[in-house]
PDB file of N, CA and C in Angstrom:
ATOM      1  N   MET A   1      21.740   7.937   9.599  1.00  0.00           N
ATOM      2  CA  MET A   1      20.991   8.573   8.553  1.00  0.00           C
ATOM      3  C   MET A   1      19.999   9.557   9.185  1.00  0.00           C
ATOM      4  N   GLU A   2      19.851  10.711   8.581  1.00  0.00           N
ATOM      5  CA  GLU A   2      18.970  11.735   9.143  1.00  0.00           C
ATOM      6  C   GLU A   2      17.509  11.417   8.882  1.00  0.00           C
ATOM      7  N   ASP A   3      16.632  11.969   9.741  1.00  0.00           N
ATOM      8  CA  ASP A   3      15.198  11.731   9.619  1.00  0.00           C
ATOM      9  C   ASP A   3      14.656  12.192   8.271  1.00  0.00           C
ATOM     10  N   ASP A   4      15.141  13.323   7.756  1.00  0.00           N
ATOM     11  CA  ASP A   4      14.659  13.828   6.468  1.00  0.00           C
ATOM     12  C   ASP A   4      14.969  12.846   5.342  1.00  0.00           C
ATOM     13  N   GLU A   5      16.152  12.261   5.392  1.00  0.00           N
ATOM     14  CA  GLU A   5      16.534  11.296   4.364  1.00  0.00           C
ATOM     15  C   GLU A   5      15.717  10.017   4.480  1.00  0.00           C
ATOM     16  N   ILE A   6      15.468   9.568   5.702  1.00  0.00           N
ATOM     17  CA  ILE A   6      14.644   8.384   5.931  1.00  0.00           C
ATOM     18  C   ILE A   6      13.232   8.636   5.429  1.00  0.00           C
ATOM     19  N   ASN A   7      12.648   9.788   5.787  1.00  0.00           N
ATOM     20  CA  ASN A   7      11.296  10.120   5.336  1.00  0.00           C
ATOM     21  C   ASN A   7      11.234  10.246   3.820  1.00  0.00           C
ATOM     22  N   GLY A   8      12.255  10.836   3.216  1.00  0.00           N
ATOM     23  CA  GLY A   8      12.300  10.962   1.765  1.00  0.00           C
ATOM     24  C   GLY A   8      12.309   9.603   1.093  1.00  0.00           C
ATOM     25  N   ASN A   9      13.096   8.674   1.620  1.00  0.00           N
ATOM     26  CA  ASN A   9      13.140   7.316   1.072  1.00  0.00           C
ATOM     27  C   ASN A   9      11.801   6.607   1.243  1.00  0.00           C
ATOM     28  N   LEU A  10      11.166   6.800   2.397  1.00  0.00           N
ATOM     29  CA  LEU A  10       9.871   6.175   2.661  1.00  0.00           C
ATOM     30  C   LEU A  10       8.812   6.729   1.718  1.00  0.00           C
ATOM     31  N   PHE A  11       8.750   8.051   1.566  1.00  0.00           N
ATOM     32  CA  PHE A  11       7.766   8.648   0.660  1.00  0.00           C
ATOM     33  C   PHE A  11       8.007   8.206  -0.782  1.00  0.00           C
ATOM     34  N   PHE A  12       9.258   8.110  -1.185  1.00  0.00           N
ATOM     35  CA  PHE A  12       9.583   7.653  -2.529  1.00  0.00           C
ATOM     36  C   PHE A  12       9.061   6.230  -2.739  1.00  0.00           C
ATOM     37  N   LEU A  13       9.303   5.349  -1.775  1.00  0.00           N
ATOM     38  CA  LEU A  13       8.847   3.968  -1.876  1.00  0.00           C
ATOM     39  C   LEU A  13       7.326   3.897  -1.941  1.00  0.00           C
ATOM     40  N   LEU A  14       6.640   4.637  -1.074  1.00  0.00           N
ATOM     41  CA  LEU A  14       5.177   4.615  -1.073  1.00  0.00           C
ATOM     42  C   LEU A  14       4.619   5.171  -2.373  1.00  0.00           C
ATOM     43  N   ASN A  15       5.222   6.207  -2.917  1.00  0.00           N
ATOM     44  CA  ASN A  15       4.776   6.748  -4.206  1.00  0.00           C
ATOM     45  C   ASN A  15       4.969   5.732  -5.322  1.00  0.00           C
ATOM     46  N   GLN A  16       6.073   4.982  -5.284  1.00  0.00           N
ATOM     47  CA  GLN A  16       6.286   3.937  -6.291  1.00  0.00           C
ATOM     48  C   GLN A  16       5.198   2.871  -6.200  1.00  0.00           C
ATOM     49  N   MET A  17       4.807   2.520  -4.991  1.00  0.00           N
ATOM     50  CA  MET A  17       3.722   1.543  -4.815  1.00  0.00           C
ATOM     51  C   MET A  17       2.401   2.096  -5.360  1.00  0.00           C
ATOM     52  N   ASN A  18       2.145   3.368  -5.121  1.00  0.00           N
ATOM     53  CA  ASN A  18       0.905   3.977  -5.610  1.00  0.00           C
ATOM     54  C   ASN A  18       0.861   4.007  -7.136  1.00  0.00           C
ATOM     55  N   LEU A  19       1.992   4.184  -7.770  1.00  0.00           N
ATOM     56  CA  LEU A  19       2.041   4.163  -9.228  1.00  0.00           C
ATOM     57  C   LEU A  19       1.808   2.757  -9.778  1.00  0.00           C
ATOM     58  N   ARG A  20       2.196   1.775  -9.015  1.00  0.00           N
ATOM     59  CA  ARG A  20       2.133   0.386  -9.472  1.00  0.00           C
ATOM     60  C   ARG A  20       0.730  -0.212  -9.401  1.00  0.00           C
ATOM     61  N   TYR A  21      -0.047   0.188  -8.406  1.00  0.00           N
ATOM     62  CA  TYR A  21      -1.362  -0.411  -8.191  1.00  0.00           C
ATOM     63  C   TYR A  21      -2.467   0.544  -8.601  1.00  0.00           C
ATOM     64  N   ARG A  22      -3.446   0.021  -9.305  1.00  0.00           N
ATOM     65  CA  ARG A  22      -4.502   0.865  -9.841  1.00  0.00           C
ATOM     66  C   ARG A  22      -5.628   1.142  -8.838  1.00  0.00           C
ATOM     67  N   TRP A  23      -6.086   0.145  -8.132  1.00  0.00           N
ATOM     68  CA  TRP A  23      -7.280   0.307  -7.300  1.00  0.00           C
ATOM     69  C   TRP A  23      -6.969   0.529  -5.823  1.00  0.00           C
ATOM     70  N   GLY A  24      -5.725   0.583  -5.476  1.00  0.00           N
ATOM     71  CA  GLY A  24      -5.370   0.806  -4.088  1.00  0.00           C
ATOM     72  C   GLY A  24      -4.365   1.929  -3.969  1.00  0.00           C
ATOM     73  N   LYS A  25      -4.282   2.496  -2.795  1.00  0.00           N
ATOM     74  CA  LYS A  25      -3.263   3.515  -2.558  1.00  0.00           C
ATOM     75  C   LYS A  25      -2.689   3.321  -1.165  1.00  0.00           C
ATOM     76  N   VAL A  26      -1.446   3.701  -1.035  1.00  0.00           N
ATOM     77  CA  VAL A  26      -0.729   3.563   0.224  1.00  0.00           C
ATOM     78  C   VAL A  26      -0.518   4.967   0.786  1.00  0.00           C
ATOM     79  N   ILE A  27      -0.916   5.158   2.050  1.00  0.00           N
ATOM     80  CA  ILE A  27      -0.877   6.473   2.681  1.00  0.00           C
ATOM     81  C   ILE A  27      -0.082   6.383   3.978  1.00  0.00           C
ATOM     82  N   LEU A  28       0.715   7.385   4.228  1.00  0.00           N
ATOM     83  CA  LEU A  28       1.411   7.492   5.508  1.00  0.00           C
ATOM     84  C   LEU A  28       0.589   8.433   6.386  1.00  0.00           C
ATOM     85  N   ASP A  29       0.049   7.905   7.487  1.00  0.00           N
ATOM     86  CA  ASP A  29      -0.802   8.663   8.398  1.00  0.00           C
ATOM     87  C   ASP A  29      -0.128   8.669   9.771  1.00  0.00           C
ATOM     88  N   GLU A  30       0.493   9.819  10.086  1.00  0.00           N
ATOM     89  CA  GLU A  30       1.301   9.916  11.312  1.00  0.00           C
ATOM     90  C   GLU A  30       2.409   8.873  11.228  1.00  0.00           C
ATOM     91  N   LYS A  31       2.321   7.813  12.034  1.00  0.00           N
ATOM     92  CA  LYS A  31       3.338   6.756  11.993  1.00  0.00           C
ATOM     93  C   LYS A  31       2.764   5.437  11.474  1.00  0.00           C
ATOM     94  N   ASP A  32       1.558   5.493  10.939  1.00  0.00           N
ATOM     95  CA  ASP A  32       0.914   4.296  10.403  1.00  0.00           C
ATOM     96  C   ASP A  32       0.942   4.321   8.886  1.00  0.00           C
ATOM     97  N   ILE A  33       1.104   3.163   8.286  1.00  0.00           N
ATOM     98  CA  ILE A  33       0.989   3.031   6.839  1.00  0.00           C
ATOM     99  C   ILE A  33      -0.360   2.389   6.573  1.00  0.00           C
ATOM    100  N   VAL A  34      -1.190   3.085   5.794  1.00  0.00           N
ATOM    101  CA  VAL A  34      -2.569   2.684   5.551  1.00  0.00           C
ATOM    102  C   VAL A  34      -2.724   2.280   4.092  1.00  0.00           C
ATOM    103  N   LEU A  35      -3.388   1.168   3.864  1.00  0.00           N
ATOM    104  CA  LEU A  35      -3.712   0.702   2.526  1.00  0.00           C
ATOM    105  C   LEU A  35      -5.190   0.970   2.306  1.00  0.00           C
ATOM    106  N   ALA A  36      -5.512   1.880   1.381  1.00  0.00           N
ATOM    107  CA  ALA A  36      -6.897   2.236   1.087  1.00  0.00           C
ATOM    108  C   ALA A  36      -7.260   1.726  -0.300  1.00  0.00           C
ATOM    109  N   MET A  37      -8.466   1.204  -0.424  1.00  0.00           N
ATOM    110  CA  MET A  37      -8.903   0.662  -1.707  1.00  0.00           C
ATOM    111  C   MET A  37     -10.314   1.152  -2.017  1.00  0.00           C
ATOM    112  N   ASP A  38     -10.570   1.351  -3.311  1.00  0.00           N
ATOM    113  CA  ASP A  38     -11.892   1.780  -3.770  1.00  0.00           C
ATOM    114  C   ASP A  38     -12.430   0.750  -4.750  1.00  0.00           C
ATOM    115  N   ALA A  39     -13.723   0.544  -4.692  1.00  0.00           N
ATOM    116  CA  ALA A  39     -14.374  -0.356  -5.640  1.00  0.00           C
ATOM    117  C   ALA A  39     -15.846   0.014  -5.743  1.00  0.00           C
ATOM    118  N   MET A  40     -16.398  -0.178  -6.909  1.00  0.00           N
ATOM    119  CA  MET A  40     -17.832   0.020  -7.080  1.00  0.00           C
ATOM    120  C   MET A  40     -18.518  -1.280  -6.677  1.00  0.00           C
ATOM    121  N   VAL A  41     -19.378  -1.193  -5.682  1.00  0.00           N
ATOM    122  CA  VAL A  41     -20.054  -2.374  -5.163  1.00  0.00           C
ATOM    123  C   VAL A  41     -21.558  -2.185  -5.340  1.00  0.00           C
ATOM    124  N   THR A  42     -22.200  -3.206  -5.880  1.00  0.00           N
ATOM    125  CA  THR A  42     -23.659  -3.219  -6.015  1.00  0.00           C
ATOM    126  C   THR A  42     -24.189  -4.417  -5.237  1.00  0.00           C
ATOM    127  N   PRO A  43     -25.468  -4.457  -4.987  1.00  0.00           N
ATOM    128  CA  PRO A  43     -26.015  -5.633  -4.289  1.00  0.00           C
ATOM    129  C   PRO A  43     -25.753  -6.940  -5.041  1.00  0.00           C
ATOM    130  N   PHE A  44     -25.600  -6.855  -6.349  1.00  0.00           N
ATOM    131  CA  PHE A  44     -25.392  -8.058  -7.148  1.00  0.00           C
ATOM    132  C   PHE A  44     -23.921  -8.467  -7.241  1.00  0.00           C
ATOM    133  N   SER A  45     -23.005  -7.553  -6.924  1.00  0.00           N
ATOM    134  CA  SER A  45     -21.583  -7.865  -7.079  1.00  0.00           C
ATOM    135  C   SER A  45     -20.808  -7.835  -5.767  1.00  0.00           C
ATOM    136  N   ILE A  46     -21.490  -7.646  -4.667  1.00  0.00           N
ATOM    137  CA  ILE A  46     -20.793  -7.419  -3.403  1.00  0.00           C
ATOM    138  C   ILE A  46     -19.892  -8.599  -3.010  1.00  0.00           C
ATOM    139  N   THR A  47     -20.369  -9.819  -3.185  1.00  0.00           N
ATOM    140  CA  THR A  47     -19.580 -10.981  -2.775  1.00  0.00           C
ATOM    141  C   THR A  47     -18.306 -11.096  -3.601  1.00  0.00           C
ATOM    142  N   GLU A  48     -18.448 -11.097  -4.918  1.00  0.00           N
ATOM    143  CA  GLU A  48     -17.290 -11.246  -5.793  1.00  0.00           C
ATOM    144  C   GLU A  48     -16.317 -10.081  -5.642  1.00  0.00           C
ATOM    145  N   THR A  49     -16.853  -8.859  -5.551  1.00  0.00           N
ATOM    146  CA  THR A  49     -16.003  -7.679  -5.421  1.00  0.00           C
ATOM    147  C   THR A  49     -15.208  -7.711  -4.123  1.00  0.00           C
ATOM    148  N   CYS A  50     -15.853  -8.055  -3.028  1.00  0.00           N
ATOM    149  CA  CYS A  50     -15.164  -8.099  -1.732  1.00  0.00           C
ATOM    150  C   CYS A  50     -14.072  -9.164  -1.712  1.00  0.00           C
ATOM    151  N   ILE A  51     -14.341 -10.307  -2.310  1.00  0.00           N
ATOM    152  CA  ILE A  51     -13.325 -11.358  -2.362  1.00  0.00           C
ATOM    153  C   ILE A  51     -12.144 -10.904  -3.208  1.00  0.00           C
ATOM    154  N   GLN A  52     -12.419 -10.326  -4.380  1.00  0.00           N
ATOM    155  CA  GLN A  52     -11.340  -9.860  -5.245  1.00  0.00           C
ATOM    156  C   GLN A  52     -10.517  -8.766  -4.574  1.00  0.00           C
ATOM    157  N   MET A  53     -11.180  -7.828  -3.922  1.00  0.00           N
ATOM    158  CA  MET A  53     -10.461  -6.740  -3.264  1.00  0.00           C
ATOM    159  C   MET A  53      -9.651  -7.252  -2.076  1.00  0.00           C
ATOM    160  N   SER A  54     -10.150  -8.252  -1.384  1.00  0.00           N
ATOM    161  CA  SER A  54      -9.396  -8.840  -0.269  1.00  0.00           C
ATOM    162  C   SER A  54      -8.121  -9.505  -0.764  1.00  0.00           C
ATOM    163  N   VAL A  55      -8.233 -10.255  -1.854  1.00  0.00           N
ATOM    164  CA  VAL A  55      -7.051 -10.912  -2.421  1.00  0.00           C
ATOM    165  C   VAL A  55      -6.070  -9.867  -2.942  1.00  0.00           C
ATOM    166  N   TYR A  56      -6.587  -8.886  -3.661  1.00  0.00           N
ATOM    167  CA  TYR A  56      -5.754  -7.819  -4.212  1.00  0.00           C
ATOM    168  C   TYR A  56      -5.060  -7.045  -3.085  1.00  0.00           C
ATOM    169  N   GLY A  57      -5.806  -6.713  -2.030  1.00  0.00           N
ATOM    170  CA  GLY A  57      -5.236  -5.996  -0.889  1.00  0.00           C
ATOM    171  C   GLY A  57      -4.167  -6.811  -0.181  1.00  0.00           C
ATOM    172  N   ALA A  58      -4.375  -8.117  -0.062  1.00  0.00           N
ATOM    173  CA  ALA A  58      -3.375  -8.976   0.572  1.00  0.00           C
ATOM    174  C   ALA A  58      -2.093  -9.013  -0.259  1.00  0.00           C
ATOM    175  N   GLN A  59      -2.234  -9.066  -1.579  1.00  0.00           N
ATOM    176  CA  GLN A  59      -1.053  -9.052  -2.447  1.00  0.00           C
ATOM    177  C   GLN A  59      -0.304  -7.727  -2.313  1.00  0.00           C
ATOM    178  N   MET A  60      -1.056  -6.630  -2.283  1.00  0.00           N
ATOM    179  CA  MET A  60      -0.426  -5.318  -2.105  1.00  0.00           C
ATOM    180  C   MET A  60       0.306  -5.245  -0.775  1.00  0.00           C
ATOM    181  N   ALA A  61      -0.366  -5.653   0.291  1.00  0.00           N
ATOM    182  CA  ALA A  61       0.222  -5.586   1.630  1.00  0.00           C
ATOM    183  C   ALA A  61       1.485  -6.434   1.715  1.00  0.00           C
ATOM    184  N   ASP A  62       1.482  -7.600   1.074  1.00  0.00           N
ATOM    185  CA  ASP A  62       2.652  -8.467   1.089  1.00  0.00           C
ATOM    186  C   ASP A  62       3.830  -7.798   0.389  1.00  0.00           C
ATOM    187  N   GLU A  63       3.579  -7.196  -0.766  1.00  0.00           N
ATOM    188  CA  GLU A  63       4.660  -6.529  -1.491  1.00  0.00           C
ATOM    189  C   GLU A  63       5.148  -5.282  -0.750  1.00  0.00           C
ATOM    190  N   ILE A  64       4.215  -4.539  -0.185  1.00  0.00           N
ATOM    191  CA  ILE A  64       4.579  -3.335   0.561  1.00  0.00           C
ATOM    192  C   ILE A  64       5.424  -3.702   1.782  1.00  0.00           C
ATOM    193  N   TYR A  65       5.017  -4.729   2.502  1.00  0.00           N
ATOM    194  CA  TYR A  65       5.767  -5.168   3.680  1.00  0.00           C
ATOM    195  C   TYR A  65       7.189  -5.573   3.292  1.00  0.00           C
ATOM    196  N   THR A  66       7.297  -6.366   2.211  1.00  0.00           N
ATOM    197  CA  THR A  66       8.615  -6.808   1.757  1.00  0.00           C
ATOM    198  C   THR A  66       9.485  -5.616   1.375  1.00  0.00           C
ATOM    199  N   SER A  67       8.910  -4.659   0.650  1.00  0.00           N
ATOM    200  CA  SER A  67       9.667  -3.469   0.233  1.00  0.00           C
ATOM    201  C   SER A  67      10.089  -2.625   1.431  1.00  0.00           C
ATOM    202  N   LEU A  68       9.211  -2.499   2.416  1.00  0.00           N
ATOM    203  CA  LEU A  68       9.548  -1.722   3.613  1.00  0.00           C
ATOM    204  C   LEU A  68      10.645  -2.408   4.423  1.00  0.00           C
ATOM    205  N   GLU A  69      10.610  -3.742   4.485  1.00  0.00           N
ATOM    206  CA  GLU A  69      11.673  -4.459   5.186  1.00  0.00           C
ATOM    207  C   GLU A  69      13.010  -4.256   4.496  1.00  0.00           C
ATOM    208  N   LYS A  70      13.030  -4.294   3.169  1.00  0.00           N
ATOM    209  CA  LYS A  70      14.264  -4.055   2.431  1.00  0.00           C
ATOM    210  C   LYS A  70      14.772  -2.641   2.680  1.00  0.00           C
ATOM    211  N   LEU A  71      13.845  -1.666   2.682  1.00  0.00           N
ATOM    212  CA  LEU A  71      14.225  -0.276   2.945  1.00  0.00           C
ATOM    213  C   LEU A  71      14.790  -0.141   4.343  1.00  0.00           C
ATOM    214  N   LYS A  72      14.177  -0.797   5.312  1.00  0.00           N
ATOM    215  CA  LYS A  72      14.631  -0.715   6.709  1.00  0.00           C
ATOM    216  C   LYS A  72      16.078  -1.188   6.840  1.00  0.00           C
ATOM    217  N   TYR A  73      16.427  -2.263   6.158  1.00  0.00           N
ATOM    218  CA  TYR A  73      17.781  -2.790   6.278  1.00  0.00           C
ATOM    219  C   TYR A  73      18.792  -2.019   5.443  1.00  0.00           C
ATOM    220  N   LYS A  74      18.342  -1.232   4.462  1.00  0.00           N
ATOM    221  CA  LYS A  74      19.241  -0.356   3.720  1.00  0.00           C
ATOM    222  C   LYS A  74      19.652   0.839   4.566  1.00  0.00           C
ATOM    223  N   LEU A  75      18.740   1.243   5.473  1.00  0.00           N
ATOM    224  CA  LEU A  75      18.998   2.420   6.297  1.00  0.00           C
ATOM    225  C   LEU A  75      19.909   1.994   7.400  1.00  0.00           C
TER     226      LEU A  75
END
């Protein structure tokens, strides 16, 4: 399979993940896949927000990893 086709499949998969998740985004940076998340944090909500974002990020990372493994074996 050619590099352009592999990259096209990877970008398609990452875009699908970005559409699926509201507070996080998946970015391809050189050869790294980066999971970025945004949240409004105040001194009164920092603990709860950080815990929720950690759990949410772990769920995203787990699904992204599984999807990337499936893509790898399709290629």
